[in-house]
Amino acid sequence: MNTVTYKMPCGVLETESQTIKSGQDKRNWTQYSRAIAALMSKRMSELGMTQRMLAEKMNCTQQYISKMLKGQKNMSLETICKIENTLGIEIIKGLNENEQ
């Protein structure tokens, strides 16, 4: 009898273990994403800025901005920093207080 051993890359194991977690994890990032979207939308209105204008300033597509504003993107820290810098808002609070 021949036995075949299949070895999965580490990244696959991490992905599988993450999908086993409860729906709570997904709910948490979507809640944050929607809160960020609300902040973005409010600030864009204050500045009279369109999605296209924001996309140009952030060097991304209007479609990407649209997905962020719908709360459908799990944004990286880099993206959140670009949003903060472009719109002049603070999303990640409290971190600067530790830099004293």
PDB file of N, CA and C in Angstrom:
ATOM      1  N   MET A   1       0.849  -1.173   0.000  1.00  0.00           N
ATOM      2  CA  MET A   1       0.000   0.000   0.000  1.00  0.00           C
ATOM      3  C   MET A   1       0.897   1.238   0.000  1.00  0.00           C
ATOM      4  N   ASN A   2       0.664   2.120  -0.944  1.00  0.00           N
ATOM      5  CA  ASN A   2       1.430   3.361  -1.028  1.00  0.00           C
ATOM      6  C   ASN A   2       0.722   4.453  -0.220  1.00  0.00           C
ATOM      7  N   THR A   3       1.481   5.175   0.549  1.00  0.00           N
ATOM      8  CA  THR A   3       0.931   6.275   1.337  1.00  0.00           C
ATOM      9  C   THR A   3       1.504   7.575   0.809  1.00  0.00           C
ATOM     10  N   VAL A   4       0.631   8.511   0.544  1.00  0.00           N
ATOM     11  CA  VAL A   4       1.052   9.818   0.062  1.00  0.00           C
ATOM     12  C   VAL A   4       0.899  10.812   1.207  1.00  0.00           C
ATOM     13  N   THR A   5       1.964  11.506   1.490  1.00  0.00           N
ATOM     14  CA  THR A   5       1.937  12.530   2.534  1.00  0.00           C
ATOM     15  C   THR A   5       1.878  13.893   1.862  1.00  0.00           C
ATOM     16  N   TYR A   6       0.914  14.675   2.260  1.00  0.00           N
ATOM     17  CA  TYR A   6       0.754  16.007   1.699  1.00  0.00           C
ATOM     18  C   TYR A   6       1.128  17.016   2.768  1.00  0.00           C
ATOM     19  N   LYS A   7       2.083  17.849   2.485  1.00  0.00           N
ATOM     20  CA  LYS A   7       2.499  18.898   3.414  1.00  0.00           C
ATOM     21  C   LYS A   7       1.978  20.229   2.928  1.00  0.00           C
ATOM     22  N   MET A   8       1.298  20.932   3.811  1.00  0.00           N
ATOM     23  CA  MET A   8       0.761  22.240   3.453  1.00  0.00           C
ATOM     24  C   MET A   8       1.733  23.318   3.888  1.00  0.00           C
ATOM     25  N   PRO A   9       1.845  24.379   3.094  1.00  0.00           N
ATOM     26  CA  PRO A   9       2.672  25.513   3.527  1.00  0.00           C
ATOM     27  C   PRO A   9       2.094  26.143   4.788  1.00  0.00           C
ATOM     28  N   CYS A  10       2.936  26.778   5.556  1.00  0.00           N
ATOM     29  CA  CYS A  10       2.509  27.390   6.816  1.00  0.00           C
ATOM     30  C   CYS A  10       1.362  28.373   6.617  1.00  0.00           C
ATOM     31  N   GLY A  11       1.432  29.155   5.555  1.00  0.00           N
ATOM     32  CA  GLY A  11       0.381  30.145   5.299  1.00  0.00           C
ATOM     33  C   GLY A  11      -0.980  29.520   5.163  1.00  0.00           C
ATOM     34  N   VAL A  12      -1.049  28.324   4.582  1.00  0.00           N
ATOM     35  CA  VAL A  12      -2.324  27.632   4.422  1.00  0.00           C
ATOM     36  C   VAL A  12      -2.871  27.231   5.774  1.00  0.00           C
ATOM     37  N   LEU A  13      -2.008  26.742   6.655  1.00  0.00           N
ATOM     38  CA  LEU A  13      -2.449  26.359   7.991  1.00  0.00           C
ATOM     39  C   LEU A  13      -3.005  27.556   8.747  1.00  0.00           C
ATOM     40  N   GLU A  14      -2.341  28.696   8.633  1.00  0.00           N
ATOM     41  CA  GLU A  14      -2.821  29.898   9.305  1.00  0.00           C
ATOM     42  C   GLU A  14      -4.181  30.301   8.767  1.00  0.00           C
ATOM     43  N   THR A  15      -4.350  30.231   7.456  1.00  0.00           N
ATOM     44  CA  THR A  15      -5.621  30.612   6.840  1.00  0.00           C
ATOM     45  C   THR A  15      -6.737  29.694   7.304  1.00  0.00           C
ATOM     46  N   GLU A  16      -6.465  28.392   7.332  1.00  0.00           N
ATOM     47  CA  GLU A  16      -7.490  27.452   7.759  1.00  0.00           C
ATOM     48  C   GLU A  16      -7.876  27.673   9.210  1.00  0.00           C
ATOM     49  N   SER A  17      -6.920  27.913  10.089  1.00  0.00           N
ATOM     50  CA  SER A  17      -7.240  28.130  11.493  1.00  0.00           C
ATOM     51  C   SER A  17      -8.008  29.432  11.680  1.00  0.00           C
ATOM     52  N   GLN A  18      -7.746  30.412  10.839  1.00  0.00           N
ATOM     53  CA  GLN A  18      -8.467  31.676  10.939  1.00  0.00           C
ATOM     54  C   GLN A  18      -9.916  31.507  10.516  1.00  0.00           C
ATOM     55  N   THR A  19     -10.189  30.647   9.532  1.00  0.00           N
ATOM     56  CA  THR A  19     -11.569  30.468   9.075  1.00  0.00           C
ATOM     57  C   THR A  19     -12.387  29.690  10.093  1.00  0.00           C
ATOM     58  N   ILE A  20     -11.717  28.968  10.985  1.00  0.00           N
ATOM     59  CA  ILE A  20     -12.418  28.207  12.007  1.00  0.00           C
ATOM     60  C   ILE A  20     -12.953  29.127  13.096  1.00  0.00           C
ATOM     61  N   LYS A  21     -12.323  30.263  13.289  1.00  0.00           N
ATOM     62  CA  LYS A  21     -12.760  31.199  14.320  1.00  0.00           C
ATOM     63  C   LYS A  21     -14.207  31.603  14.092  1.00  0.00           C
ATOM     64  N   SER A  22     -14.846  32.060  15.146  1.00  0.00           N
ATOM     65  CA  SER A  22     -16.246  32.442  15.070  1.00  0.00           C
ATOM     66  C   SER A  22     -16.450  33.676  14.193  1.00  0.00           C
ATOM     67  N   GLY A  23     -17.687  33.939  13.868  1.00  0.00           N
ATOM     68  CA  GLY A  23     -18.042  35.103  13.073  1.00  0.00           C
ATOM     69  C   GLY A  23     -17.774  36.402  13.798  1.00  0.00           C
ATOM     70  N   GLN A  24     -17.457  36.328  15.082  1.00  0.00           N
ATOM     71  CA  GLN A  24     -17.180  37.531  15.870  1.00  0.00           C
ATOM     72  C   GLN A  24     -16.024  38.327  15.284  1.00  0.00           C
ATOM     73  N   ASP A  25     -14.960  37.649  14.831  1.00  0.00           N
ATOM     74  CA  ASP A  25     -13.810  38.347  14.267  1.00  0.00           C
ATOM     75  C   ASP A  25     -14.209  39.165  13.055  1.00  0.00           C
ATOM     76  N   LYS A  26     -14.964  38.570  12.170  1.00  0.00           N
ATOM     77  CA  LYS A  26     -15.402  39.272  10.965  1.00  0.00           C
ATOM     78  C   LYS A  26     -16.275  40.462  11.344  1.00  0.00           C
ATOM     79  N   ARG A  27     -17.152  40.261  12.276  1.00  0.00           N
ATOM     80  CA  ARG A  27     -18.042  41.336  12.698  1.00  0.00           C
ATOM     81  C   ARG A  27     -17.238  42.503  13.247  1.00  0.00           C
ATOM     82  N   ASN A  28     -16.184  42.228  14.005  1.00  0.00           N
ATOM     83  CA  ASN A  28     -15.392  43.302  14.596  1.00  0.00           C
ATOM     84  C   ASN A  28     -14.725  44.174  13.540  1.00  0.00           C
ATOM     85  N   TRP A  29     -14.043  43.584  12.545  1.00  0.00           N
ATOM     86  CA  TRP A  29     -13.373  44.432  11.564  1.00  0.00           C
ATOM     87  C   TRP A  29     -14.375  45.157  10.694  1.00  0.00           C
ATOM     88  N   THR A  30     -15.536  44.549  10.440  1.00  0.00           N
ATOM     89  CA  THR A  30     -16.528  45.269   9.633  1.00  0.00           C
ATOM     90  C   THR A  30     -17.110  46.441  10.412  1.00  0.00           C
ATOM     91  N   GLN A  31     -17.249  46.291  11.721  1.00  0.00           N
ATOM     92  CA  GLN A  31     -17.729  47.418  12.531  1.00  0.00           C
ATOM     93  C   GLN A  31     -16.734  48.576  12.485  1.00  0.00           C
ATOM     94  N   TYR A  32     -15.452  48.263  12.614  1.00  0.00           N
ATOM     95  CA  TYR A  32     -14.432  49.308  12.513  1.00  0.00           C
ATOM     96  C   TYR A  32     -14.419  49.922  11.115  1.00  0.00           C
ATOM     97  N   SER A  33     -14.543  49.077  10.120  1.00  0.00           N
ATOM     98  CA  SER A  33     -14.524  49.552   8.744  1.00  0.00           C
ATOM     99  C   SER A  33     -15.681  50.519   8.487  1.00  0.00           C
ATOM    100  N   ARG A  34     -16.843  50.180   9.002  1.00  0.00           N
ATOM    101  CA  ARG A  34     -18.003  51.074   8.835  1.00  0.00           C
ATOM    102  C   ARG A  34     -17.825  52.381   9.594  1.00  0.00           C
ATOM    103  N   ALA A  35     -17.213  52.310  10.777  1.00  0.00           N
ATOM    104  CA  ALA A  35     -16.958  53.536  11.551  1.00  0.00           C
ATOM    105  C   ALA A  35     -15.975  54.431  10.812  1.00  0.00           C
ATOM    106  N   ILE A  36     -14.938  53.839  10.224  1.00  0.00           N
ATOM    107  CA  ILE A  36     -13.974  54.608   9.443  1.00  0.00           C
ATOM    108  C   ILE A  36     -14.658  55.220   8.231  1.00  0.00           C
ATOM    109  N   ALA A  37     -15.525  54.451   7.594  1.00  0.00           N
ATOM    110  CA  ALA A  37     -16.260  54.949   6.429  1.00  0.00           C
ATOM    111  C   ALA A  37     -17.111  56.157   6.794  1.00  0.00           C
ATOM    112  N   ALA A  38     -17.747  56.103   7.962  1.00  0.00           N
ATOM    113  CA  ALA A  38     -18.581  57.233   8.402  1.00  0.00           C
ATOM    114  C   ALA A  38     -17.726  58.475   8.631  1.00  0.00           C
ATOM    115  N   LEU A  39     -16.552  58.298   9.276  1.00  0.00           N
ATOM    116  CA  LEU A  39     -15.642  59.433   9.481  1.00  0.00           C
ATOM    117  C   LEU A  39     -15.182  60.017   8.149  1.00  0.00           C
ATOM    118  N   MET A  40     -14.808  59.119   7.230  1.00  0.00           N
ATOM    119  CA  MET A  40     -14.342  59.559   5.912  1.00  0.00           C
ATOM    120  C   MET A  40     -15.426  60.354   5.188  1.00  0.00           C
ATOM    121  N   SER A  41     -16.624  59.793   5.186  1.00  0.00           N
ATOM    122  CA  SER A  41     -17.732  60.426   4.468  1.00  0.00           C
ATOM    123  C   SER A  41     -18.041  61.814   5.019  1.00  0.00           C
ATOM    124  N   LYS A  42     -18.068  61.911   6.349  1.00  0.00           N
ATOM    125  CA  LYS A  42     -18.339  63.205   6.990  1.00  0.00           C
ATOM    126  C   LYS A  42     -17.272  64.228   6.617  1.00  0.00           C
ATOM    127  N   ARG A  43     -16.012  63.827   6.705  1.00  0.00           N
ATOM    128  CA  ARG A  43     -14.914  64.752   6.404  1.00  0.00           C
ATOM    129  C   ARG A  43     -14.897  65.138   4.928  1.00  0.00           C
ATOM    130  N   MET A  44     -15.172  64.168   4.052  1.00  0.00           N
ATOM    131  CA  MET A  44     -15.223  64.473   2.622  1.00  0.00           C
ATOM    132  C   MET A  44     -16.311  65.507   2.331  1.00  0.00           C
ATOM    133  N   SER A  45     -17.457  65.365   2.992  1.00  0.00           N
ATOM    134  CA  SER A  45     -18.542  66.351   2.822  1.00  0.00           C
ATOM    135  C   SER A  45     -18.098  67.729   3.288  1.00  0.00           C
ATOM    136  N   GLU A  46     -17.428  67.787   4.438  1.00  0.00           N
ATOM    137  CA  GLU A  46     -16.940  69.067   4.967  1.00  0.00           C
ATOM    138  C   GLU A  46     -15.969  69.732   3.998  1.00  0.00           C
ATOM    139  N   LEU A  47     -15.146  68.921   3.339  1.00  0.00           N
ATOM    140  CA  LEU A  47     -14.138  69.452   2.415  1.00  0.00           C
ATOM    141  C   LEU A  47     -14.666  69.618   0.987  1.00  0.00           C
ATOM    142  N   GLY A  48     -15.885  69.154   0.735  1.00  0.00           N
ATOM    143  CA  GLY A  48     -16.433  69.200  -0.619  1.00  0.00           C
ATOM    144  C   GLY A  48     -15.655  68.284  -1.562  1.00  0.00           C
ATOM    145  N   MET A  49     -15.199  67.167  -1.053  1.00  0.00           N
ATOM    146  CA  MET A  49     -14.337  66.264  -1.807  1.00  0.00           C
ATOM    147  C   MET A  49     -15.135  65.078  -2.342  1.00  0.00           C
ATOM    148  N   THR A  50     -14.924  64.760  -3.603  1.00  0.00           N
ATOM    149  CA  THR A  50     -15.566  63.600  -4.217  1.00  0.00           C
ATOM    150  C   THR A  50     -14.688  62.357  -4.023  1.00  0.00           C
ATOM    151  N   GLN A  51     -15.272  61.214  -4.322  1.00  0.00           N
ATOM    152  CA  GLN A  51     -14.510  59.967  -4.261  1.00  0.00           C
ATOM    153  C   GLN A  51     -13.331  60.016  -5.224  1.00  0.00           C
ATOM    154  N   ARG A  52     -13.565  60.552  -6.392  1.00  0.00           N
ATOM    155  CA  ARG A  52     -12.506  60.643  -7.395  1.00  0.00           C
ATOM    156  C   ARG A  52     -11.362  61.539  -6.912  1.00  0.00           C
ATOM    157  N   MET A  53     -11.710  62.658  -6.292  1.00  0.00           N
ATOM    158  CA  MET A  53     -10.685  63.565  -5.778  1.00  0.00           C
ATOM    159  C   MET A  53      -9.847  62.889  -4.690  1.00  0.00           C
ATOM    160  N   LEU A  54     -10.528  62.172  -3.788  1.00  0.00           N
ATOM    161  CA  LEU A  54      -9.822  61.471  -2.726  1.00  0.00           C
ATOM    162  C   LEU A  54      -8.924  60.380  -3.306  1.00  0.00           C
ATOM    163  N   ALA A  55      -9.432  59.661  -4.290  1.00  0.00           N
ATOM    164  CA  ALA A  55      -8.650  58.601  -4.934  1.00  0.00           C
ATOM    165  C   ALA A  55      -7.374  59.166  -5.548  1.00  0.00           C
ATOM    166  N   GLU A  56      -7.486  60.299  -6.202  1.00  0.00           N
ATOM    167  CA  GLU A  56      -6.305  60.912  -6.814  1.00  0.00           C
ATOM    168  C   GLU A  56      -5.277  61.297  -5.758  1.00  0.00           C
ATOM    169  N   LYS A  57      -5.750  61.859  -4.648  1.00  0.00           N
ATOM    170  CA  LYS A  57      -4.825  62.279  -3.590  1.00  0.00           C
ATOM    171  C   LYS A  57      -4.187  61.090  -2.880  1.00  0.00           C
ATOM    172  N   MET A  58      -4.914  59.959  -2.812  1.00  0.00           N
ATOM    173  CA  MET A  58      -4.393  58.773  -2.138  1.00  0.00           C
ATOM    174  C   MET A  58      -3.691  57.825  -3.108  1.00  0.00           C
ATOM    175  N   ASN A  59      -3.698  58.190  -4.386  1.00  0.00           N
ATOM    176  CA  ASN A  59      -3.061  57.371  -5.417  1.00  0.00           C
ATOM    177  C   ASN A  59      -3.667  55.966  -5.488  1.00  0.00           C
ATOM    178  N   CYS A  60      -4.996  55.920  -5.573  1.00  0.00           N
ATOM    179  CA  CYS A  60      -5.702  54.647  -5.724  1.00  0.00           C
ATOM    180  C   CYS A  60      -6.894  54.892  -6.650  1.00  0.00           C
ATOM    181  N   THR A  61      -7.716  53.884  -6.851  1.00  0.00           N
ATOM    182  CA  THR A  61      -8.854  54.031  -7.756  1.00  0.00           C
ATOM    183  C   THR A  61     -10.092  54.532  -7.020  1.00  0.00           C
ATOM    184  N   GLN A  62     -10.992  55.110  -7.771  1.00  0.00           N
ATOM    185  CA  GLN A  62     -12.271  55.550  -7.215  1.00  0.00           C
ATOM    186  C   GLN A  62     -13.067  54.339  -6.727  1.00  0.00           C
ATOM    187  N   GLN A  63     -12.929  53.213  -7.395  1.00  0.00           N
ATOM    188  CA  GLN A  63     -13.635  51.993  -6.995  1.00  0.00           C
ATOM    189  C   GLN A  63     -13.180  51.530  -5.610  1.00  0.00           C
ATOM    190  N   TYR A  64     -11.878  51.657  -5.348  1.00  0.00           N
ATOM    191  CA  TYR A  64     -11.347  51.280  -4.034  1.00  0.00           C
ATOM    192  C   TYR A  64     -11.930  52.194  -2.951  1.00  0.00           C
ATOM    193  N   ILE A  65     -11.987  53.482  -3.233  1.00  0.00           N
ATOM    194  CA  ILE A  65     -12.585  54.439  -2.286  1.00  0.00           C
ATOM    195  C   ILE A  65     -14.041  54.083  -2.041  1.00  0.00           C
ATOM    196  N   SER A  66     -14.760  53.743  -3.100  1.00  0.00           N
ATOM    197  CA  SER A  66     -16.165  53.369  -2.985  1.00  0.00           C
ATOM    198  C   SER A  66     -16.346  52.180  -2.051  1.00  0.00           C
ATOM    199  N   LYS A  67     -15.495  51.165  -2.196  1.00  0.00           N
ATOM    200  CA  LYS A  67     -15.580  49.994  -1.330  1.00  0.00           C
ATOM    201  C   LYS A  67     -15.266  50.356   0.124  1.00  0.00           C
ATOM    202  N   MET A  68     -14.302  51.253   0.328  1.00  0.00           N
ATOM    203  CA  MET A  68     -13.999  51.690   1.696  1.00  0.00           C
ATOM    204  C   MET A  68     -15.199  52.417   2.299  1.00  0.00           C
ATOM    205  N   LEU A  69     -15.828  53.285   1.498  1.00  0.00           N
ATOM    206  CA  LEU A  69     -16.954  54.068   2.002  1.00  0.00           C
ATOM    207  C   LEU A  69     -18.201  53.218   2.240  1.00  0.00           C
ATOM    208  N   LYS A  70     -18.242  52.026   1.667  1.00  0.00           N
ATOM    209  CA  LYS A  70     -19.340  51.092   1.923  1.00  0.00           C
ATOM    210  C   LYS A  70     -19.020  50.185   3.110  1.00  0.00           C
ATOM    211  N   GLY A  71     -17.819  50.336   3.668  1.00  0.00           N
ATOM    212  CA  GLY A  71     -17.419  49.498   4.791  1.00  0.00           C
ATOM    213  C   GLY A  71     -17.096  48.082   4.381  1.00  0.00           C
ATOM    214  N   GLN A  72     -16.690  47.890   3.118  1.00  0.00           N
ATOM    215  CA  GLN A  72     -16.438  46.550   2.582  1.00  0.00           C
ATOM    216  C   GLN A  72     -14.960  46.200   2.490  1.00  0.00           C
ATOM    217  N   LYS A  73     -14.081  47.067   2.931  1.00  0.00           N
ATOM    218  CA  LYS A  73     -12.647  46.811   2.819  1.00  0.00           C
ATOM    219  C   LYS A  73     -12.040  46.634   4.204  1.00  0.00           C
ATOM    220  N   ASN A  74     -11.239  45.590   4.340  1.00  0.00           N
ATOM    221  CA  ASN A  74     -10.445  45.390   5.547  1.00  0.00           C
ATOM    222  C   ASN A  74      -9.143  46.144   5.299  1.00  0.00           C
ATOM    223  N   MET A  75      -9.083  47.376   5.762  1.00  0.00           N
ATOM    224  CA  MET A  75      -7.984  48.286   5.421  1.00  0.00           C
ATOM    225  C   MET A  75      -6.720  48.001   6.208  1.00  0.00           C
ATOM    226  N   SER A  76      -5.604  48.182   5.535  1.00  0.00           N
ATOM    227  CA  SER A  76      -4.301  48.037   6.189  1.00  0.00           C
ATOM    228  C   SER A  76      -4.004  49.303   6.997  1.00  0.00           C
ATOM    229  N   LEU A  77      -3.019  49.206   7.868  1.00  0.00           N
ATOM    230  CA  LEU A  77      -2.588  50.392   8.616  1.00  0.00           C
ATOM    231  C   LEU A  77      -2.074  51.464   7.675  1.00  0.00           C
ATOM    232  N   GLU A  78      -1.409  51.045   6.616  1.00  0.00           N
ATOM    233  CA  GLU A  78      -0.904  51.999   5.628  1.00  0.00           C
ATOM    234  C   GLU A  78      -2.048  52.787   5.006  1.00  0.00           C
ATOM    235  N   THR A  79      -3.120  52.088   4.648  1.00  0.00           N
ATOM    236  CA  THR A  79      -4.281  52.758   4.055  1.00  0.00           C
ATOM    237  C   THR A  79      -4.928  53.704   5.050  1.00  0.00           C
ATOM    238  N   ILE A  80      -5.054  53.273   6.297  1.00  0.00           N
ATOM    239  CA  ILE A  80      -5.657  54.132   7.324  1.00  0.00           C
ATOM    240  C   ILE A  80      -4.813  55.391   7.524  1.00  0.00           C
ATOM    241  N   CYS A  81      -3.496  55.242   7.517  1.00  0.00           N
ATOM    242  CA  CYS A  81      -2.613  56.412   7.636  1.00  0.00           C
ATOM    243  C   CYS A  81      -2.775  57.353   6.442  1.00  0.00           C
ATOM    244  N   LYS A  82      -2.921  56.809   5.251  1.00  0.00           N
ATOM    245  CA  LYS A  82      -3.145  57.650   4.063  1.00  0.00           C
ATOM    246  C   LYS A  82      -4.449  58.420   4.197  1.00  0.00           C
ATOM    247  N   ILE A  83      -5.483  57.756   4.704  1.00  0.00           N
ATOM    248  CA  ILE A  83      -6.775  58.422   4.906  1.00  0.00           C
ATOM    249  C   ILE A  83      -6.613  59.559   5.906  1.00  0.00           C
ATOM    250  N   GLU A  84      -5.952  59.274   7.030  1.00  0.00           N
ATOM    251  CA  GLU A  84      -5.741  60.302   8.052  1.00  0.00           C
ATOM    252  C   GLU A  84      -5.003  61.506   7.483  1.00  0.00           C
ATOM    253  N   ASN A  85      -3.917  61.250   6.769  1.00  0.00           N
ATOM    254  CA  ASN A  85      -3.110  62.341   6.225  1.00  0.00           C
ATOM    255  C   ASN A  85      -3.846  63.118   5.142  1.00  0.00           C
ATOM    256  N   THR A  86      -4.563  62.422   4.298  1.00  0.00           N
ATOM    257  CA  THR A  86      -5.251  63.081   3.182  1.00  0.00           C
ATOM    258  C   THR A  86      -6.439  63.900   3.655  1.00  0.00           C
ATOM    259  N   LEU A  87      -7.199  63.359   4.591  1.00  0.00           N
ATOM    260  CA  LEU A  87      -8.406  64.048   5.049  1.00  0.00           C
ATOM    261  C   LEU A  87      -8.167  64.896   6.298  1.00  0.00           C
ATOM    262  N   GLY A  88      -7.006  64.786   6.901  1.00  0.00           N
ATOM    263  CA  GLY A  88      -6.730  65.566   8.104  1.00  0.00           C
ATOM    264  C   GLY A  88      -7.588  65.152   9.279  1.00  0.00           C
ATOM    265  N   ILE A  89      -7.812  63.846   9.413  1.00  0.00           N
ATOM    266  CA  ILE A  89      -8.597  63.334  10.540  1.00  0.00           C
ATOM    267  C   ILE A  89      -7.751  62.328  11.305  1.00  0.00           C
ATOM    268  N   GLU A  90      -8.164  62.041  12.543  1.00  0.00           N
ATOM    269  CA  GLU A  90      -7.470  61.063  13.357  1.00  0.00           C
ATOM    270  C   GLU A  90      -8.378  59.851  13.535  1.00  0.00           C
ATOM    271  N   ILE A  91      -7.922  58.728  13.025  1.00  0.00           N
ATOM    272  CA  ILE A  91      -8.688  57.490  13.133  1.00  0.00           C
ATOM    273  C   ILE A  91      -8.117  56.629  14.252  1.00  0.00           C
ATOM    274  N   ILE A  92      -6.809  56.468  14.259  1.00  0.00           N
ATOM    275  CA  ILE A  92      -6.133  55.672  15.278  1.00  0.00           C
ATOM    276  C   ILE A  92      -5.706  56.623  16.382  1.00  0.00           C
ATOM    277  N   LYS A  93      -6.462  56.614  17.467  1.00  0.00           N
ATOM    278  CA  LYS A  93      -6.206  57.552  18.561  1.00  0.00           C
ATOM    279  C   LYS A  93      -5.427  56.888  19.671  1.00  0.00           C
ATOM    280  N   GLY A  94      -4.705  57.655  20.413  1.00  0.00           N
ATOM    281  CA  GLY A  94      -4.010  57.157  21.587  1.00  0.00           C
ATOM    282  C   GLY A  94      -2.586  56.699  21.340  1.00  0.00           C
ATOM    283  N   LEU A  95      -2.244  56.379  20.113  1.00  0.00           N
ATOM    284  CA  LEU A  95      -0.891  55.908  19.849  1.00  0.00           C
ATOM    285  C   LEU A  95       0.125  57.030  19.977  1.00  0.00           C
ATOM    286  N   ASN A  96      -0.214  58.216  19.540  1.00  0.00           N
ATOM    287  CA  ASN A  96       0.699  59.349  19.626  1.00  0.00           C
ATOM    288  C   ASN A  96       0.978  59.757  21.069  1.00  0.00           C
ATOM    289  N   GLU A  97       0.066  59.466  21.962  1.00  0.00           N
ATOM    290  CA  GLU A  97       0.264  59.815  23.379  1.00  0.00           C
ATOM    291  C   GLU A  97       1.413  59.024  23.984  1.00  0.00           C
ATOM    292  N   ASN A  98       1.685  57.841  23.434  1.00  0.00           N
ATOM    293  CA  ASN A  98       2.756  56.978  23.968  1.00  0.00           C
ATOM    294  C   ASN A  98       4.127  57.368  23.448  1.00  0.00           C
ATOM    295  N   GLU A  99       4.220  58.310  22.525  1.00  0.00           N
ATOM    296  CA  GLU A  99       5.489  58.705  21.919  1.00  0.00           C
ATOM    297  C   GLU A  99       6.222  59.786  22.704  1.00  0.00           C
ATOM    298  N   GLN A 100       5.680  60.223  23.811  1.00  0.00           N
ATOM    299  CA  GLN A 100       6.252  61.334  24.570  1.00  0.00           C
ATOM    300  C   GLN A 100       7.604  61.051  25.097  1.00  0.00           C
TER     301      GLN A 100
END
